[in-house]
Amino acid sequence: MLDTPFPADFTAFDSWHPSGWSPVYDRVTSRRHLVGFTPLQCGLDRLVIGQETGDELGSFVIVGEARVALAGAFNGWVVVTGDYRQLPGFWAL
């Protein structure tokens, strides 16, 4: 369970950084810490992380989950399961 509560109405804190980059925190291998950034900004409170299987059908498998949490005045992503490097457009520190 994350230490940041998620309100029922996500739009109550739908505040993404104006630079277009959102911080990504890892909660999988250690205590929550900043590992990089992503341009992913959307109106969802959670995101499943998928990885392509490489078959000709274009299928994928779910390999993790990220949740939105306030990081100061703006939203960020906390990866609760899986590999944070699988987030779309991930840029590592």
PDB file of N, CA and C in Angstrom:
ATOM      1  N   MET A   1       0.834  -1.181   0.000  1.00  0.00           N
ATOM      2  CA  MET A   1       0.000   0.000   0.000  1.00  0.00           C
ATOM      3  C   MET A   1       0.880   1.245   0.000  1.00  0.00           C
ATOM      4  N   LEU A   2       0.536   2.231  -0.788  1.00  0.00           N
ATOM      5  CA  LEU A   2       1.304   3.464  -0.856  1.00  0.00           C
ATOM      6  C   LEU A   2       1.014   4.342   0.347  1.00  0.00           C
ATOM      7  N   ASP A   3       1.973   5.193   0.685  1.00  0.00           N
ATOM      8  CA  ASP A   3       1.751   6.084   1.801  1.00  0.00           C
ATOM      9  C   ASP A   3       1.052   7.372   1.377  1.00  0.00           C
ATOM     10  N   THR A   4       0.700   7.501   0.109  1.00  0.00           N
ATOM     11  CA  THR A   4      -0.025   8.654  -0.400  1.00  0.00           C
ATOM     12  C   THR A   4      -1.447   8.233  -0.722  1.00  0.00           C
ATOM     13  N   PRO A   5      -2.460   8.862  -0.093  1.00  0.00           N
ATOM     14  CA  PRO A   5      -3.850   8.470  -0.370  1.00  0.00           C
ATOM     15  C   PRO A   5      -4.284   8.889  -1.763  1.00  0.00           C
ATOM     16  N   PHE A   6      -5.217   8.161  -2.321  1.00  0.00           N
ATOM     17  CA  PHE A   6      -5.765   8.473  -3.628  1.00  0.00           C
ATOM     18  C   PHE A   6      -7.218   8.866  -3.448  1.00  0.00           C
ATOM     19  N   PRO A   7      -7.592  10.105  -3.768  1.00  0.00           N
ATOM     20  CA  PRO A   7      -8.990  10.507  -3.612  1.00  0.00           C
ATOM     21  C   PRO A   7      -9.877   9.813  -4.634  1.00  0.00           C
ATOM     22  N   ALA A   8     -11.140   9.707  -4.325  1.00  0.00           N
ATOM     23  CA  ALA A   8     -12.086   9.073  -5.244  1.00  0.00           C
ATOM     24  C   ALA A   8     -12.187   9.861  -6.536  1.00  0.00           C
ATOM     25  N   ASP A   9     -12.105  11.168  -6.458  1.00  0.00           N
ATOM     26  CA  ASP A   9     -12.182  12.023  -7.639  1.00  0.00           C
ATOM     27  C   ASP A   9     -10.777  12.440  -8.034  1.00  0.00           C
ATOM     28  N   PHE A  10     -10.187  11.733  -8.987  1.00  0.00           N
ATOM     29  CA  PHE A  10      -8.798  11.993  -9.372  1.00  0.00           C
ATOM     30  C   PHE A  10      -8.578  13.421  -9.831  1.00  0.00           C
ATOM     31  N   THR A  11      -9.558  14.029 -10.487  1.00  0.00           N
ATOM     32  CA  THR A  11      -9.384  15.381 -11.013  1.00  0.00           C
ATOM     33  C   THR A  11      -9.166  16.396  -9.903  1.00  0.00           C
ATOM     34  N   ALA A  12      -9.384  16.011  -8.657  1.00  0.00           N
ATOM     35  CA  ALA A  12      -9.152  16.922  -7.543  1.00  0.00           C
ATOM     36  C   ALA A  12      -7.678  17.302  -7.421  1.00  0.00           C
ATOM     37  N   PHE A  13      -6.772  16.456  -7.919  1.00  0.00           N
ATOM     38  CA  PHE A  13      -5.356  16.817  -7.862  1.00  0.00           C
ATOM     39  C   PHE A  13      -4.646  16.500  -9.180  1.00  0.00           C
ATOM     40  N   ASP A  14      -5.355  16.663 -10.279  1.00  0.00           N
ATOM     41  CA  ASP A  14      -4.783  16.405 -11.591  1.00  0.00           C
ATOM     42  C   ASP A  14      -3.861  17.564 -11.991  1.00  0.00           C
ATOM     43  N   SER A  15      -2.680  17.602 -11.402  1.00  0.00           N
ATOM     44  CA  SER A  15      -1.756  18.707 -11.601  1.00  0.00           C
ATOM     45  C   SER A  15      -0.395  18.184 -12.063  1.00  0.00           C
ATOM     46  N   TRP A  16      -0.166  18.234 -13.357  1.00  0.00           N
ATOM     47  CA  TRP A  16       1.099  17.760 -13.920  1.00  0.00           C
ATOM     48  C   TRP A  16       2.057  18.933 -14.102  1.00  0.00           C
ATOM     49  N   HIS A  17       3.341  18.676 -14.012  1.00  0.00           N
ATOM     50  CA  HIS A  17       4.352  19.731 -14.146  1.00  0.00           C
ATOM     51  C   HIS A  17       4.292  20.326 -15.553  1.00  0.00           C
ATOM     52  N   PRO A  18       4.350  21.655 -15.673  1.00  0.00           N
ATOM     53  CA  PRO A  18       4.242  22.296 -16.984  1.00  0.00           C
ATOM     54  C   PRO A  18       5.397  21.996 -17.935  1.00  0.00           C
ATOM     55  N   SER A  19       6.502  21.460 -17.442  1.00  0.00           N
ATOM     56  CA  SER A  19       7.626  21.107 -18.314  1.00  0.00           C
ATOM     57  C   SER A  19       7.274  19.937 -19.220  1.00  0.00           C
ATOM     58  N   GLY A  20       6.230  19.169 -18.847  1.00  0.00           N
ATOM     59  CA  GLY A  20       5.862  17.979 -19.607  1.00  0.00           C
ATOM     60  C   GLY A  20       6.526  16.719 -19.087  1.00  0.00           C
ATOM     61  N   TRP A  21       7.405  16.834 -18.107  1.00  0.00           N
ATOM     62  CA  TRP A  21       8.091  15.674 -17.524  1.00  0.00           C
ATOM     63  C   TRP A  21       7.575  15.427 -16.123  1.00  0.00           C
ATOM     64  N   SER A  22       7.303  14.174 -15.811  1.00  0.00           N
ATOM     65  CA  SER A  22       6.810  13.790 -14.493  1.00  0.00           C
ATOM     66  C   SER A  22       7.837  12.901 -13.810  1.00  0.00           C
ATOM     67  N   PRO A  23       8.076  13.101 -12.507  1.00  0.00           N
ATOM     68  CA  PRO A  23       9.029  12.257 -11.798  1.00  0.00           C
ATOM     69  C   PRO A  23       8.519  10.824 -11.662  1.00  0.00           C
ATOM     70  N   VAL A  24       9.451   9.884 -11.650  1.00  0.00           N
ATOM     71  CA  VAL A  24       9.135   8.463 -11.462  1.00  0.00           C
ATOM     72  C   VAL A  24       9.870   7.992 -10.219  1.00  0.00           C
ATOM     73  N   TYR A  25       9.120   7.388  -9.306  1.00  0.00           N
ATOM     74  CA  TYR A  25       9.682   6.866  -8.065  1.00  0.00           C
ATOM     75  C   TYR A  25       9.569   5.355  -8.068  1.00  0.00           C
ATOM     76  N   ASP A  26      10.582   4.682  -7.523  1.00  0.00           N
ATOM     77  CA  ASP A  26      10.583   3.231  -7.429  1.00  0.00           C
ATOM     78  C   ASP A  26      10.147   2.817  -6.032  1.00  0.00           C
ATOM     79  N   ARG A  27       9.175   1.956  -5.955  1.00  0.00           N
ATOM     80  CA  ARG A  27       8.713   1.440  -4.673  1.00  0.00           C
ATOM     81  C   ARG A  27       8.899  -0.075  -4.625  1.00  0.00           C
ATOM     82  N   VAL A  28       9.568  -0.618  -5.640  1.00  0.00           N
ATOM     83  CA  VAL A  28       9.698  -2.071  -5.752  1.00  0.00           C
ATOM     84  C   VAL A  28      10.870  -2.592  -4.935  1.00  0.00           C
ATOM     85  N   THR A  29      12.055  -2.047  -5.153  1.00  0.00           N
ATOM     86  CA  THR A  29      13.254  -2.617  -4.550  1.00  0.00           C
ATOM     87  C   THR A  29      13.686  -1.933  -3.268  1.00  0.00           C
ATOM     88  N   SER A  30      13.130  -0.784  -2.967  1.00  0.00           N
ATOM     89  CA  SER A  30      13.544  -0.062  -1.775  1.00  0.00           C
ATOM     90  C   SER A  30      12.446   0.894  -1.362  1.00  0.00           C
ATOM     91  N   ARG A  31      12.763   1.707  -0.394  1.00  0.00           N
ATOM     92  CA  ARG A  31      11.834   2.771  -0.056  1.00  0.00           C
ATOM     93  C   ARG A  31      11.701   3.716  -1.232  1.00  0.00           C
ATOM     94  N   ARG A  32      10.588   4.383  -1.353  1.00  0.00           N
ATOM     95  CA  ARG A  32      10.315   5.249  -2.497  1.00  0.00           C
ATOM     96  C   ARG A  32      11.461   6.237  -2.725  1.00  0.00           C
ATOM     97  N   HIS A  33      12.048   6.202  -3.922  1.00  0.00           N
ATOM     98  CA  HIS A  33      13.088   7.155  -4.279  1.00  0.00           C
ATOM     99  C   HIS A  33      13.010   7.487  -5.768  1.00  0.00           C
ATOM    100  N   LEU A  34      13.472   8.685  -6.116  1.00  0.00           N
ATOM    101  CA  LEU A  34      13.423   9.173  -7.490  1.00  0.00           C
ATOM    102  C   LEU A  34      14.407   8.392  -8.355  1.00  0.00           C
ATOM    103  N   VAL A  35      13.909   7.838  -9.476  1.00  0.00           N
ATOM    104  CA  VAL A  35      14.772   7.070 -10.377  1.00  0.00           C
ATOM    105  C   VAL A  35      14.846   7.673 -11.771  1.00  0.00           C
ATOM    106  N   GLY A  36      13.922   8.598 -12.106  1.00  0.00           N
ATOM    107  CA  GLY A  36      13.940   9.199 -13.431  1.00  0.00           C
ATOM    108  C   GLY A  36      12.682   9.999 -13.700  1.00  0.00           C
ATOM    109  N   PHE A  37      12.411  10.205 -14.998  1.00  0.00           N
ATOM    110  CA  PHE A  37      11.269  11.011 -15.423  1.00  0.00           C
ATOM    111  C   PHE A  37      10.596  10.370 -16.630  1.00  0.00           C
ATOM    112  N   THR A  38       9.342  10.731 -16.863  1.00  0.00           N
ATOM    113  CA  THR A  38       8.598  10.273 -18.033  1.00  0.00           C
ATOM    114  C   THR A  38       7.729  11.415 -18.547  1.00  0.00           C
ATOM    115  N   PRO A  39       7.507  11.481 -19.850  1.00  0.00           N
ATOM    116  CA  PRO A  39       6.584  12.488 -20.379  1.00  0.00           C
ATOM    117  C   PRO A  39       5.125  12.060 -20.236  1.00  0.00           C
ATOM    118  N   LEU A  40       4.886  10.886 -19.669  1.00  0.00           N
ATOM    119  CA  LEU A  40       3.534  10.365 -19.507  1.00  0.00           C
ATOM    120  C   LEU A  40       2.753  11.192 -18.496  1.00  0.00           C
ATOM    121  N   GLN A  41       1.688  11.839 -18.962  1.00  0.00           N
ATOM    122  CA  GLN A  41       0.788  12.606 -18.115  1.00  0.00           C
ATOM    123  C   GLN A  41      -0.623  12.325 -18.593  1.00  0.00           C
ATOM    124  N   CYS A  42      -1.431  11.726 -17.732  1.00  0.00           N
ATOM    125  CA  CYS A  42      -2.784  11.378 -18.143  1.00  0.00           C
ATOM    126  C   CYS A  42      -3.729  11.491 -16.957  1.00  0.00           C
ATOM    127  N   GLY A  43      -5.010  11.404 -17.213  1.00  0.00           N
ATOM    128  CA  GLY A  43      -6.030  11.537 -16.184  1.00  0.00           C
ATOM    129  C   GLY A  43      -6.394  10.240 -15.501  1.00  0.00           C
ATOM    130  N   LEU A  44      -5.468   9.325 -15.400  1.00  0.00           N
ATOM    131  CA  LEU A  44      -5.716   8.052 -14.720  1.00  0.00           C
ATOM    132  C   LEU A  44      -4.970   8.039 -13.397  1.00  0.00           C
ATOM    133  N   ASP A  45      -5.484   7.322 -12.417  1.00  0.00           N
ATOM    134  CA  ASP A  45      -4.765   7.247 -11.150  1.00  0.00           C
ATOM    135  C   ASP A  45      -3.819   6.048 -11.079  1.00  0.00           C
ATOM    136  N   ARG A  46      -3.947   5.131 -12.042  1.00  0.00           N
ATOM    137  CA  ARG A  46      -3.003   4.011 -12.103  1.00  0.00           C
ATOM    138  C   ARG A  46      -2.819   3.569 -13.539  1.00  0.00           C
ATOM    139  N   LEU A  47      -1.717   2.900 -13.783  1.00  0.00           N
ATOM    140  CA  LEU A  47      -1.347   2.479 -15.124  1.00  0.00           C
ATOM    141  C   LEU A  47      -0.740   1.089 -15.036  1.00  0.00           C
ATOM    142  N   VAL A  48      -1.179   0.171 -15.897  1.00  0.00           N
ATOM    143  CA  VAL A  48      -0.523  -1.119 -15.975  1.00  0.00           C
ATOM    144  C   VAL A  48       0.611  -0.993 -16.979  1.00  0.00           C
ATOM    145  N   ILE A  49       1.730  -1.607 -16.652  1.00  0.00           N
ATOM    146  CA  ILE A  49       2.909  -1.548 -17.506  1.00  0.00           C
ATOM    147  C   ILE A  49       2.967  -2.837 -18.312  1.00  0.00           C
ATOM    148  N   GLY A  50       2.989  -2.716 -19.624  1.00  0.00           N
ATOM    149  CA  GLY A  50       3.015  -3.880 -20.506  1.00  0.00           C
ATOM    150  C   GLY A  50       4.325  -3.990 -21.257  1.00  0.00           C
ATOM    151  N   GLN A  51       4.621  -5.191 -21.699  1.00  0.00           N
ATOM    152  CA  GLN A  51       5.811  -5.456 -22.499  1.00  0.00           C
ATOM    153  C   GLN A  51       5.393  -6.307 -23.692  1.00  0.00           C
ATOM    154  N   GLU A  52       5.835  -5.918 -24.875  1.00  0.00           N
ATOM    155  CA  GLU A  52       5.489  -6.680 -26.078  1.00  0.00           C
ATOM    156  C   GLU A  52       6.108  -8.073 -26.012  1.00  0.00           C
ATOM    157  N   THR A  53       5.350  -9.057 -26.526  1.00  0.00           N
ATOM    158  CA  THR A  53       5.852 -10.429 -26.522  1.00  0.00           C
ATOM    159  C   THR A  53       6.713 -10.725 -27.746  1.00  0.00           C
ATOM    160  N   GLY A  54       6.581  -9.879 -28.779  1.00  0.00           N
ATOM    161  CA  GLY A  54       7.379 -10.078 -29.984  1.00  0.00           C
ATOM    162  C   GLY A  54       6.716 -10.957 -31.023  1.00  0.00           C
ATOM    163  N   ASP A  55       5.489 -11.409 -30.764  1.00  0.00           N
ATOM    164  CA  ASP A  55       4.820 -12.230 -31.773  1.00  0.00           C
ATOM    165  C   ASP A  55       4.221 -11.345 -32.857  1.00  0.00           C
ATOM    166  N   GLU A  56       3.772 -11.954 -33.914  1.00  0.00           N
ATOM    167  CA  GLU A  56       3.249 -11.190 -35.047  1.00  0.00           C
ATOM    168  C   GLU A  56       1.862 -10.602 -34.800  1.00  0.00           C
ATOM    169  N   LEU A  57       1.210 -10.970 -33.710  1.00  0.00           N
ATOM    170  CA  LEU A  57      -0.104 -10.431 -33.389  1.00  0.00           C
ATOM    171  C   LEU A  57      -0.026  -9.100 -32.637  1.00  0.00           C
ATOM    172  N   GLY A  58       1.162  -8.726 -32.183  1.00  0.00           N
ATOM    173  CA  GLY A  58       1.320  -7.489 -31.430  1.00  0.00           C
ATOM    174  C   GLY A  58       0.844  -7.583 -29.997  1.00  0.00           C
ATOM    175  N   SER A  59       0.812  -8.783 -29.454  1.00  0.00           N
ATOM    176  CA  SER A  59       0.326  -8.956 -28.089  1.00  0.00           C
ATOM    177  C   SER A  59       1.387  -8.533 -27.066  1.00  0.00           C
ATOM    178  N   PHE A  60       0.938  -8.377 -25.837  1.00  0.00           N
ATOM    179  CA  PHE A  60       1.836  -7.978 -24.758  1.00  0.00           C
ATOM    180  C   PHE A  60       1.408  -8.646 -23.463  1.00  0.00           C
ATOM    181  N   VAL A  61       2.307  -8.632 -22.484  1.00  0.00           N
ATOM    182  CA  VAL A  61       2.016  -9.163 -21.160  1.00  0.00           C
ATOM    183  C   VAL A  61       2.144  -8.019 -20.157  1.00  0.00           C
ATOM    184  N   ILE A  62       1.356  -8.084 -19.108  1.00  0.00           N
ATOM    185  CA  ILE A  62       1.430  -7.080 -18.054  1.00  0.00           C
ATOM    186  C   ILE A  62       2.594  -7.432 -17.141  1.00  0.00           C
ATOM    187  N   VAL A  63       3.501  -6.466 -16.957  1.00  0.00           N
ATOM    188  CA  VAL A  63       4.706  -6.713 -16.166  1.00  0.00           C
ATOM    189  C   VAL A  63       4.802  -5.818 -14.934  1.00  0.00           C
ATOM    190  N   GLY A  64       3.825  -4.944 -14.720  1.00  0.00           N
ATOM    191  CA  GLY A  64       3.892  -4.087 -13.543  1.00  0.00           C
ATOM    192  C   GLY A  64       2.738  -3.105 -13.455  1.00  0.00           C
ATOM    193  N   GLU A  65       2.813  -2.257 -12.438  1.00  0.00           N
ATOM    194  CA  GLU A  65       1.781  -1.248 -12.208  1.00  0.00           C
ATOM    195  C   GLU A  65       2.412   0.001 -11.611  1.00  0.00           C
ATOM    196  N   ALA A  66       1.937   1.149 -12.068  1.00  0.00           N
ATOM    197  CA  ALA A  66       2.361   2.438 -11.515  1.00  0.00           C
ATOM    198  C   ALA A  66       1.125   3.197 -11.066  1.00  0.00           C
ATOM    199  N   ARG A  67       1.284   3.995 -10.029  1.00  0.00           N
ATOM    200  CA  ARG A  67       0.185   4.814  -9.514  1.00  0.00           C
ATOM    201  C   ARG A  67       0.613   6.268  -9.473  1.00  0.00           C
ATOM    202  N   VAL A  68      -0.370   7.149  -9.602  1.00  0.00           N
ATOM    203  CA  VAL A  68      -0.107   8.586  -9.508  1.00  0.00           C
ATOM    204  C   VAL A  68      -0.090   8.979  -8.037  1.00  0.00           C
ATOM    205  N   ALA A  69       0.873   9.814  -7.673  1.00  0.00           N
ATOM    206  CA  ALA A  69       0.952  10.359  -6.321  1.00  0.00           C
ATOM    207  C   ALA A  69       1.461  11.784  -6.416  1.00  0.00           C
ATOM    208  N   LEU A  70       1.037  12.616  -5.486  1.00  0.00           N
ATOM    209  CA  LEU A  70       1.554  13.975  -5.467  1.00  0.00           C
ATOM    210  C   LEU A  70       3.021  13.948  -5.065  1.00  0.00           C
ATOM    211  N   ALA A  71       3.846  14.650  -5.835  1.00  0.00           N
ATOM    212  CA  ALA A  71       5.274  14.787  -5.547  1.00  0.00           C
ATOM    213  C   ALA A  71       5.525  16.272  -5.380  1.00  0.00           C
ATOM    214  N   GLY A  72       5.323  16.780  -4.186  1.00  0.00           N
ATOM    215  CA  GLY A  72       5.352  18.218  -3.980  1.00  0.00           C
ATOM    216  C   GLY A  72       4.052  18.807  -4.492  1.00  0.00           C
ATOM    217  N   ALA A  73       4.157  19.836  -5.325  1.00  0.00           N
ATOM    218  CA  ALA A  73       2.961  20.489  -5.857  1.00  0.00           C
ATOM    219  C   ALA A  73       2.406  19.799  -7.103  1.00  0.00           C
ATOM    220  N   PHE A  74       3.165  18.851  -7.659  1.00  0.00           N
ATOM    221  CA  PHE A  74       2.773  18.226  -8.921  1.00  0.00           C
ATOM    222  C   PHE A  74       2.707  16.710  -8.790  1.00  0.00           C
ATOM    223  N   ASN A  75       2.031  16.094  -9.747  1.00  0.00           N
ATOM    224  CA  ASN A  75       1.896  14.640  -9.772  1.00  0.00           C
ATOM    225  C   ASN A  75       3.187  13.969 -10.208  1.00  0.00           C
ATOM    226  N   GLY A  76       3.365  12.750  -9.756  1.00  0.00           N
ATOM    227  CA  GLY A  76       4.456  11.897 -10.186  1.00  0.00           C
ATOM    228  C   GLY A  76       3.946  10.470 -10.247  1.00  0.00           C
ATOM    229  N   TRP A  77       4.767   9.581 -10.770  1.00  0.00           N
ATOM    230  CA  TRP A  77       4.414   8.162 -10.862  1.00  0.00           C
ATOM    231  C   TRP A  77       5.216   7.372  -9.842  1.00  0.00           C
ATOM    232  N   VAL A  78       4.555   6.474  -9.132  1.00  0.00           N
ATOM    233  CA  VAL A  78       5.217   5.547  -8.213  1.00  0.00           C
ATOM    234  C   VAL A  78       5.006   4.154  -8.774  1.00  0.00           C
ATOM    235  N   VAL A  79       6.094   3.481  -9.121  1.00  0.00           N
ATOM    236  CA  VAL A  79       6.011   2.117  -9.641  1.00  0.00           C
ATOM    237  C   VAL A  79       5.926   1.180  -8.447  1.00  0.00           C
ATOM    238  N   VAL A  80       4.776   0.514  -8.295  1.00  0.00           N
ATOM    239  CA  VAL A  80       4.557  -0.344  -7.136  1.00  0.00           C
ATOM    240  C   VAL A  80       4.907  -1.795  -7.420  1.00  0.00           C
ATOM    241  N   THR A  81       4.826  -2.221  -8.676  1.00  0.00           N
ATOM    242  CA  THR A  81       5.286  -3.558  -9.068  1.00  0.00           C
ATOM    243  C   THR A  81       5.912  -3.438 -10.449  1.00  0.00           C
ATOM    244  N   GLY A  82       6.865  -4.290 -10.723  1.00  0.00           N
ATOM    245  CA  GLY A  82       7.479  -4.311 -12.045  1.00  0.00           C
ATOM    246  C   GLY A  82       8.702  -3.415 -12.153  1.00  0.00           C
ATOM    247  N   ASP A  83       9.107  -3.175 -13.387  1.00  0.00           N
ATOM    248  CA  ASP A  83      10.328  -2.446 -13.702  1.00  0.00           C
ATOM    249  C   ASP A  83       9.989  -1.044 -14.198  1.00  0.00           C
ATOM    250  N   TYR A  84      10.449  -0.035 -13.487  1.00  0.00           N
ATOM    251  CA  TYR A  84      10.148   1.353 -13.857  1.00  0.00           C
ATOM    252  C   TYR A  84      10.696   1.720 -15.229  1.00  0.00           C
ATOM    253  N   ARG A  85      11.703   1.023 -15.714  1.00  0.00           N
ATOM    254  CA  ARG A  85      12.271   1.315 -17.043  1.00  0.00           C
ATOM    255  C   ARG A  85      11.305   0.960 -18.166  1.00  0.00           C
ATOM    256  N   GLN A  86      10.215   0.260 -17.860  1.00  0.00           N
ATOM    257  CA  GLN A  86       9.215  -0.108 -18.857  1.00  0.00           C
ATOM    258  C   GLN A  86       8.148   0.983 -19.054  1.00  0.00           C
ATOM    259  N   LEU A  87       8.192   2.059 -18.258  1.00  0.00           N
ATOM    260  CA  LEU A  87       7.231   3.150 -18.446  1.00  0.00           C
ATOM    261  C   LEU A  87       7.485   3.828 -19.787  1.00  0.00           C
ATOM    262  N   PRO A  88       6.437   4.273 -20.452  1.00  0.00           N
ATOM    263  CA  PRO A  88       6.601   4.936 -21.769  1.00  0.00           C
ATOM    264  C   PRO A  88       7.484   6.185 -21.652  1.00  0.00           C
ATOM    265  N   GLY A  89       8.486   6.275 -22.518  1.00  0.00           N
ATOM    266  CA  GLY A  89       9.358   7.445 -22.573  1.00  0.00           C
ATOM    267  C   GLY A  89      10.238   7.632 -21.362  1.00  0.00           C
ATOM    268  N   PHE A  90      10.494   6.574 -20.577  1.00  0.00           N
ATOM    269  CA  PHE A  90      11.269   6.703 -19.357  1.00  0.00           C
ATOM    270  C   PHE A  90      12.683   7.201 -19.625  1.00  0.00           C
ATOM    271  N   TRP A  91      13.116   8.171 -18.825  1.00  0.00           N
ATOM    272  CA  TRP A  91      14.470   8.721 -18.893  1.00  0.00           C
ATOM    273  C   TRP A  91      15.081   8.593 -17.514  1.00  0.00           C
ATOM    274  N   ALA A  92      16.132   7.779 -17.385  1.00  0.00           N
ATOM    275  CA  ALA A  92      16.754   7.516 -16.085  1.00  0.00           C
ATOM    276  C   ALA A  92      17.647   8.660 -15.643  1.00  0.00           C
ATOM    277  N   LEU A  93      17.798   8.801 -14.330  1.00  0.00           N
ATOM    278  CA  LEU A  93      18.720   9.786 -13.779  1.00  0.00           C
ATOM    279  C   LEU A  93      20.150   9.326 -13.966  1.00  0.00           C
TER     280      LEU A  93
END
